[in-house]
C-alpha atoms as a PDB file:
ATOM      1  CA  MET A   1     377.665 118.622  24.029  1.00  0.00           C
ATOM      2  CA  THR A   2     375.788 121.683  25.092  1.00  0.00           C
ATOM      3  CA  THR A   3     377.303 125.116  25.333  1.00  0.00           C
ATOM      4  CA  ALA A   4     377.407 127.865  27.892  1.00  0.00           C
ATOM      5  CA  THR A   5     377.811 131.493  26.913  1.00  0.00           C
ATOM      6  CA  ASP A   6     379.862 133.898  28.986  1.00  0.00           C
ATOM      7  CA  ASP A   7     380.748 137.378  27.752  1.00  0.00           C
ATOM      8  CA  ALA A   8     380.172 136.382  24.098  1.00  0.00           C
ATOM      9  CA  ARG A   9     382.362 133.280  24.465  1.00  0.00           C
ATOM     10  CA  THR A  10     380.798 129.922  23.802  1.00  0.00           C
ATOM     11  CA  ILE A  11     382.435 127.068  25.658  1.00  0.00           C
ATOM     12  CA  PRO A  12     381.472 123.384  25.373  1.00  0.00           C
ATOM     13  CA  VAL A  13     380.440 121.823  28.647  1.00  0.00           C
ATOM     14  CA  ALA A  14     379.416 118.288  29.601  1.00  0.00           C
ATOM     15  CA  ARG A  15     375.755 117.344  29.561  1.00  0.00           C
ATOM     16  CA  ALA A  16     374.162 117.136  32.955  1.00  0.00           C
ATOM     17  CA  GLY A  17     372.774 113.614  32.442  1.00  0.00           C
ATOM     18  CA  TRP A  18     376.010 111.657  32.336  1.00  0.00           C
ATOM     19  CA  MET A  19     378.092 113.107  35.115  1.00  0.00           C
ATOM     20  CA  PRO A  20     381.335 111.626  36.514  1.00  0.00           C
ATOM     21  CA  PRO A  21     379.622 109.639  39.311  1.00  0.00           C
ATOM     22  CA  ARG A  22     377.560 107.757  36.728  1.00  0.00           C
ATOM     23  CA  PHE A  23     380.671 106.845  34.755  1.00  0.00           C
ATOM     24  CA  PHE A  24     382.368 105.793  37.998  1.00  0.00           C
ATOM     25  CA  LEU A  25     379.455 103.505  38.864  1.00  0.00           C
ATOM     26  CA  LEU A  26     379.153 102.159  35.312  1.00  0.00           C
ATOM     27  CA  PHE A  27     382.843 101.296  34.924  1.00  0.00           C
ATOM     28  CA  GLY A  28     383.223 100.093  38.501  1.00  0.00           C
ATOM     29  CA  ALA A  29     380.189  97.802  38.328  1.00  0.00           C
ATOM     30  CA  THR A  30     381.210  96.492  34.909  1.00  0.00           C
ATOM     31  CA  GLY A  31     384.766  95.753  36.042  1.00  0.00           C
ATOM     32  CA  LEU A  32     383.596  93.919  39.146  1.00  0.00           C
ATOM     33  CA  ALA A  33     380.831  92.052  37.289  1.00  0.00           C
ATOM     34  CA  LEU A  34     383.343  90.841  34.707  1.00  0.00           C
ATOM     35  CA  HIS A  35     385.743  89.866  37.492  1.00  0.00           C
ATOM     36  CA  PHE A  36     383.098  87.691  39.136  1.00  0.00           C
ATOM     37  CA  ALA A  37     381.672  86.344  35.860  1.00  0.00           C
ATOM     38  CA  LEU A  38     384.918  85.614  34.038  1.00  0.00           C
ATOM     39  CA  GLY A  39     387.669  85.647  36.614  1.00  0.00           C
ATOM     40  CA  GLY A  40     390.897  85.503  34.692  1.00  0.00           C
ATOM     41  CA  PRO A  41     394.547  85.412  35.511  1.00  0.00           C
ATOM     42  CA  THR A  42     395.727  87.220  38.603  1.00  0.00           C
ATOM     43  CA  TRP A  43     397.853  90.161  37.515  1.00  0.00           C
ATOM     44  CA  LEU A  44     398.508  91.997  40.704  1.00  0.00           C
ATOM     45  CA  ARG A  45     396.606  91.153  43.876  1.00  0.00           C
ATOM     46  CA  LEU A  46     397.526  93.164  46.955  1.00  0.00           C
ATOM     47  CA  PRO A  47     394.415  93.273  49.167  1.00  0.00           C
ATOM     48  CA  GLY A  48     395.961  95.338  51.983  1.00  0.00           C
ATOM     49  CA  LEU A  49     397.237  97.981  49.606  1.00  0.00           C
ATOM     50  CA  GLY A  50     393.944  97.886  47.688  1.00  0.00           C
ATOM     51  CA  ALA A  51     391.880  98.509  50.823  1.00  0.00           C
ATOM     52  CA  ALA A  52     394.187 101.352  51.872  1.00  0.00           C
ATOM     53  CA  LEU A  53     393.948 102.912  48.406  1.00  0.00           C
ATOM     54  CA  VAL A  54     390.144 102.705  48.455  1.00  0.00           C
ATOM     55  CA  ALA A  55     390.025 104.343  51.902  1.00  0.00           C
ATOM     56  CA  ALA A  56     392.474 107.105  50.915  1.00  0.00           C
ATOM     57  CA  SER A  57     390.618 107.715  47.664  1.00  0.00           C
ATOM     58  CA  VAL A  58     387.216 107.984  49.347  1.00  0.00           C
ATOM     59  CA  THR A  59     388.784 110.468  51.765  1.00  0.00           C
ATOM     60  CA  LEU A  60     390.180 112.479  48.842  1.00  0.00           C
ATOM     61  CA  VAL A  61     386.780 112.631  47.115  1.00  0.00           C
ATOM     62  CA  LEU A  62     385.040 113.761  50.304  1.00  0.00           C
ATOM     63  CA  TRP A  63     387.781 116.289  51.109  1.00  0.00           C
ATOM     64  CA  GLY A  64     387.509 117.794  47.622  1.00  0.00           C
ATOM     65  CA  ALA A  65     383.708 118.023  47.788  1.00  0.00           C
ATOM     66  CA  ARG A  66     383.838 119.532  51.262  1.00  0.00           C
ATOM     67  CA  THR A  67     386.430 122.100  50.137  1.00  0.00           C
ATOM     68  CA  PHE A  68     384.190 123.163  47.243  1.00  0.00           C
ATOM     69  CA  ALA A  69     381.219 123.443  49.613  1.00  0.00           C
ATOM     70  CA  SER A  70     383.195 125.490  52.146  1.00  0.00           C
ATOM     71  CA  VAL A  71     384.022 128.166  49.566  1.00  0.00           C
ATOM     72  CA  GLY A  72     380.557 128.078  48.014  1.00  0.00           C
ATOM     73  CA  THR A  73     381.490 126.952  44.524  1.00  0.00           C
ATOM     74  CA  THR A  74     379.793 124.326  42.407  1.00  0.00           C
ATOM     75  CA  ILE A  75     380.794 120.692  42.211  1.00  0.00           C
ATOM     76  CA  LYS A  76     378.934 120.255  38.908  1.00  0.00           C
ATOM     77  CA  PRO A  77     381.288 120.320  35.918  1.00  0.00           C
ATOM     78  CA  TYR A  78     378.716 121.876  33.590  1.00  0.00           C
ATOM     79  CA  GLU A  79     378.089 124.892  35.834  1.00  0.00           C
ATOM     80  CA  ARG A  80     380.319 127.935  35.646  1.00  0.00           C
ATOM     81  CA  THR A  81     382.512 128.936  38.531  1.00  0.00           C
ATOM     82  CA  ARG A  82     383.995 132.317  39.148  1.00  0.00           C
ATOM     83  CA  GLN A  83     386.228 131.239  42.006  1.00  0.00           C
ATOM     84  CA  LEU A  84     389.544 129.440  41.846  1.00  0.00           C
ATOM     85  CA  VAL A  85     389.917 126.918  44.660  1.00  0.00           C
ATOM     86  CA  GLU A  86     393.534 126.365  45.663  1.00  0.00           C
ATOM     87  CA  THR A  87     393.077 125.094  49.218  1.00  0.00           C
ATOM     88  CA  GLY A  88     392.660 121.627  50.670  1.00  0.00           C
ATOM     89  CA  PRO A  89     393.389 118.845  48.196  1.00  0.00           C
ATOM     90  CA  PHE A  90     393.466 121.365  45.351  1.00  0.00           C
ATOM     91  CA  ARG A  91     396.964 122.317  46.541  1.00  0.00           C
ATOM     92  CA  LEU A  92     398.104 118.823  45.496  1.00  0.00           C
ATOM     93  CA  THR A  93     396.027 118.040  42.398  1.00  0.00           C
ATOM     94  CA  ARG A  94     393.688 120.020  40.170  1.00  0.00           C
ATOM     95  CA  ASN A  95     391.204 117.135  40.116  1.00  0.00           C
ATOM     96  CA  PRO A  96     391.083 115.478  43.535  1.00  0.00           C
ATOM     97  CA  MET A  97     387.584 114.080  43.115  1.00  0.00           C
ATOM     98  CA  TYR A  98     388.385 112.562  39.735  1.00  0.00           C
ATOM     99  CA  LEU A  99     391.676 111.234  41.080  1.00  0.00           C
ATOM    100  CA  GLY A 100     389.799 109.764  44.023  1.00  0.00           C
ATOM    101  CA  GLY A 101     387.307 108.006  41.748  1.00  0.00           C
ATOM    102  CA  VAL A 102     390.106 106.476  39.705  1.00  0.00           C
ATOM    103  CA  GLY A 103     391.893 105.557  42.940  1.00  0.00           C
ATOM    104  CA  ILE A 104     388.824 103.733  44.241  1.00  0.00           C
ATOM    105  CA  LEU A 105     388.681 101.606  41.088  1.00  0.00           C
ATOM    106  CA  ALA A 106     392.444 101.004  41.210  1.00  0.00           C
ATOM    107  CA  GLY A 107     392.053  99.893  44.821  1.00  0.00           C
ATOM    108  CA  ALA A 108     389.283  97.498  43.773  1.00  0.00           C
ATOM    109  CA  ALA A 109     391.578  96.190  41.043  1.00  0.00           C
ATOM    110  CA  LEU A 110     394.299  95.537  43.640  1.00  0.00           C
ATOM    111  CA  LEU A 111     391.731  93.747  45.809  1.00  0.00           C
ATOM    112  CA  THR A 112     390.641  91.429  42.984  1.00  0.00           C
ATOM    113  CA  GLY A 113     393.861  91.173  40.981  1.00  0.00           C
ATOM    114  CA  THR A 114     392.156  90.277  37.685  1.00  0.00           C
ATOM    115  CA  PRO A 115     392.299  92.247  34.407  1.00  0.00           C
ATOM    116  CA  ALA A 116     388.690  93.510  34.185  1.00  0.00           C
ATOM    117  CA  PRO A 117     388.874  95.961  37.115  1.00  0.00           C
ATOM    118  CA  TRP A 118     392.181  97.318  35.772  1.00  0.00           C
ATOM    119  CA  LEU A 119     390.558  97.916  32.384  1.00  0.00           C
ATOM    120  CA  ALA A 120     387.620  99.635  34.106  1.00  0.00           C
ATOM    121  CA  THR A 121     390.078 101.896  35.941  1.00  0.00           C
ATOM    122  CA  LEU A 122     391.781 102.860  32.688  1.00  0.00           C
ATOM    123  CA  ALA A 123     388.415 103.437  30.980  1.00  0.00           C
ATOM    124  CA  LEU A 124     387.303 105.756  33.789  1.00  0.00           C
ATOM    125  CA  ALA A 125     390.544 107.763  33.709  1.00  0.00           C
ATOM    126  CA  LEU A 126     390.312 108.202  29.935  1.00  0.00           C
ATOM    127  CA  THR A 127     386.634 109.133  30.068  1.00  0.00           C
ATOM    128  CA  LEU A 128     387.209 111.709  32.787  1.00  0.00           C
ATOM    129  CA  HIS A 129     390.115 113.227  30.894  1.00  0.00           C
ATOM    130  CA  LEU A 130     388.506 113.315  27.463  1.00  0.00           C
ATOM    131  CA  ARG A 131     384.917 114.124  28.405  1.00  0.00           C
ATOM    132  CA  PHE A 132     385.292 116.353  31.452  1.00  0.00           C
ATOM    133  CA  ILE A 133     388.778 117.599  32.310  1.00  0.00           C
ATOM    134  CA  ARG A 134     389.641 119.048  28.895  1.00  0.00           C
ATOM    135  CA  ASN A 135     386.336 120.947  28.721  1.00  0.00           C
ATOM    136  CA  GLU A 136     386.569 122.120  32.323  1.00  0.00           C
ATOM    137  CA  GLU A 137     390.081 123.419  31.784  1.00  0.00           C
ATOM    138  CA  ARG A 138     388.983 125.394  28.712  1.00  0.00           C
ATOM    139  CA  ALA A 139     386.017 126.837  30.608  1.00  0.00           C
ATOM    140  CA  LEU A 140     388.111 127.734  33.657  1.00  0.00           C
ATOM    141  CA  THR A 141     390.767 129.363  31.507  1.00  0.00           C
ATOM    142  CA  ALA A 142     388.072 131.430  29.783  1.00  0.00           C
ATOM    143  CA  SER A 143     386.364 132.508  32.997  1.00  0.00           C
ATOM    144  CA  LEU A 144     389.311 132.843  35.379  1.00  0.00           C
ATOM    145  CA  GLY A 145     392.144 133.682  32.974  1.00  0.00           C
ATOM    146  CA  THR A 146     395.685 134.264  34.206  1.00  0.00           C
ATOM    147  CA  PRO A 147     395.163 133.137  37.818  1.00  0.00           C
ATOM    148  CA  TYR A 148     393.943 129.748  36.586  1.00  0.00           C
ATOM    149  CA  GLU A 149     396.788 129.443  34.085  1.00  0.00           C
ATOM    150  CA  SER A 150     399.287 130.171  36.890  1.00  0.00           C
ATOM    151  CA  TYR A 151     397.580 127.565  39.075  1.00  0.00           C
ATOM    152  CA  CYS A 152     397.891 125.010  36.252  1.00  0.00           C
ATOM    153  CA  ARG A 153     401.628 125.653  36.056  1.00  0.00           C
ATOM    154  CA  ARG A 154     401.992 125.053  39.822  1.00  0.00           C
ATOM    155  CA  VAL A 155     399.635 122.120  40.377  1.00  0.00           C
ATOM    156  CA  ARG A 156     399.471 118.911  38.346  1.00  0.00           C
ATOM    157  CA  ARG A 157     396.301 117.736  36.648  1.00  0.00           C
ATOM    158  CA  TRP A 158     396.330 114.320  38.279  1.00  0.00           C
ATOM    159  CA  ILE A 159     399.272 113.708  40.642  1.00  0.00           C
END
């Protein structure tokens, strides 16, 4: 962990090298590779629902990124923001891009139906929560204060 200093406060932030997209690719590729290499029992295979979930999740990721860009704030979790974004998908979830990434892997798991992609989905959700979301929430509370705390009471972290 590195730190960022703001008004004499030191807040841990994620290192720039291993950002959420890398974890998404790592867990997604691992889950699919294990699916094709090992197969396994079919837990829950719903290809139509899986494809729809992937499409909706990709849309959510792009909508969240576009919303950040439209208000001129950073998408990088290790950079400070001074602006609270409450429009677009941020009205529904505090982490639409993370939710979308997890949704893409869950959709892939529904497409394949085997355990490995489900485990990859869980691993991504836990990694995002423990490595990024907790630190981001601390940093946003420190830099935005009461407006961010009010937003957290109104809008769920995930869904």
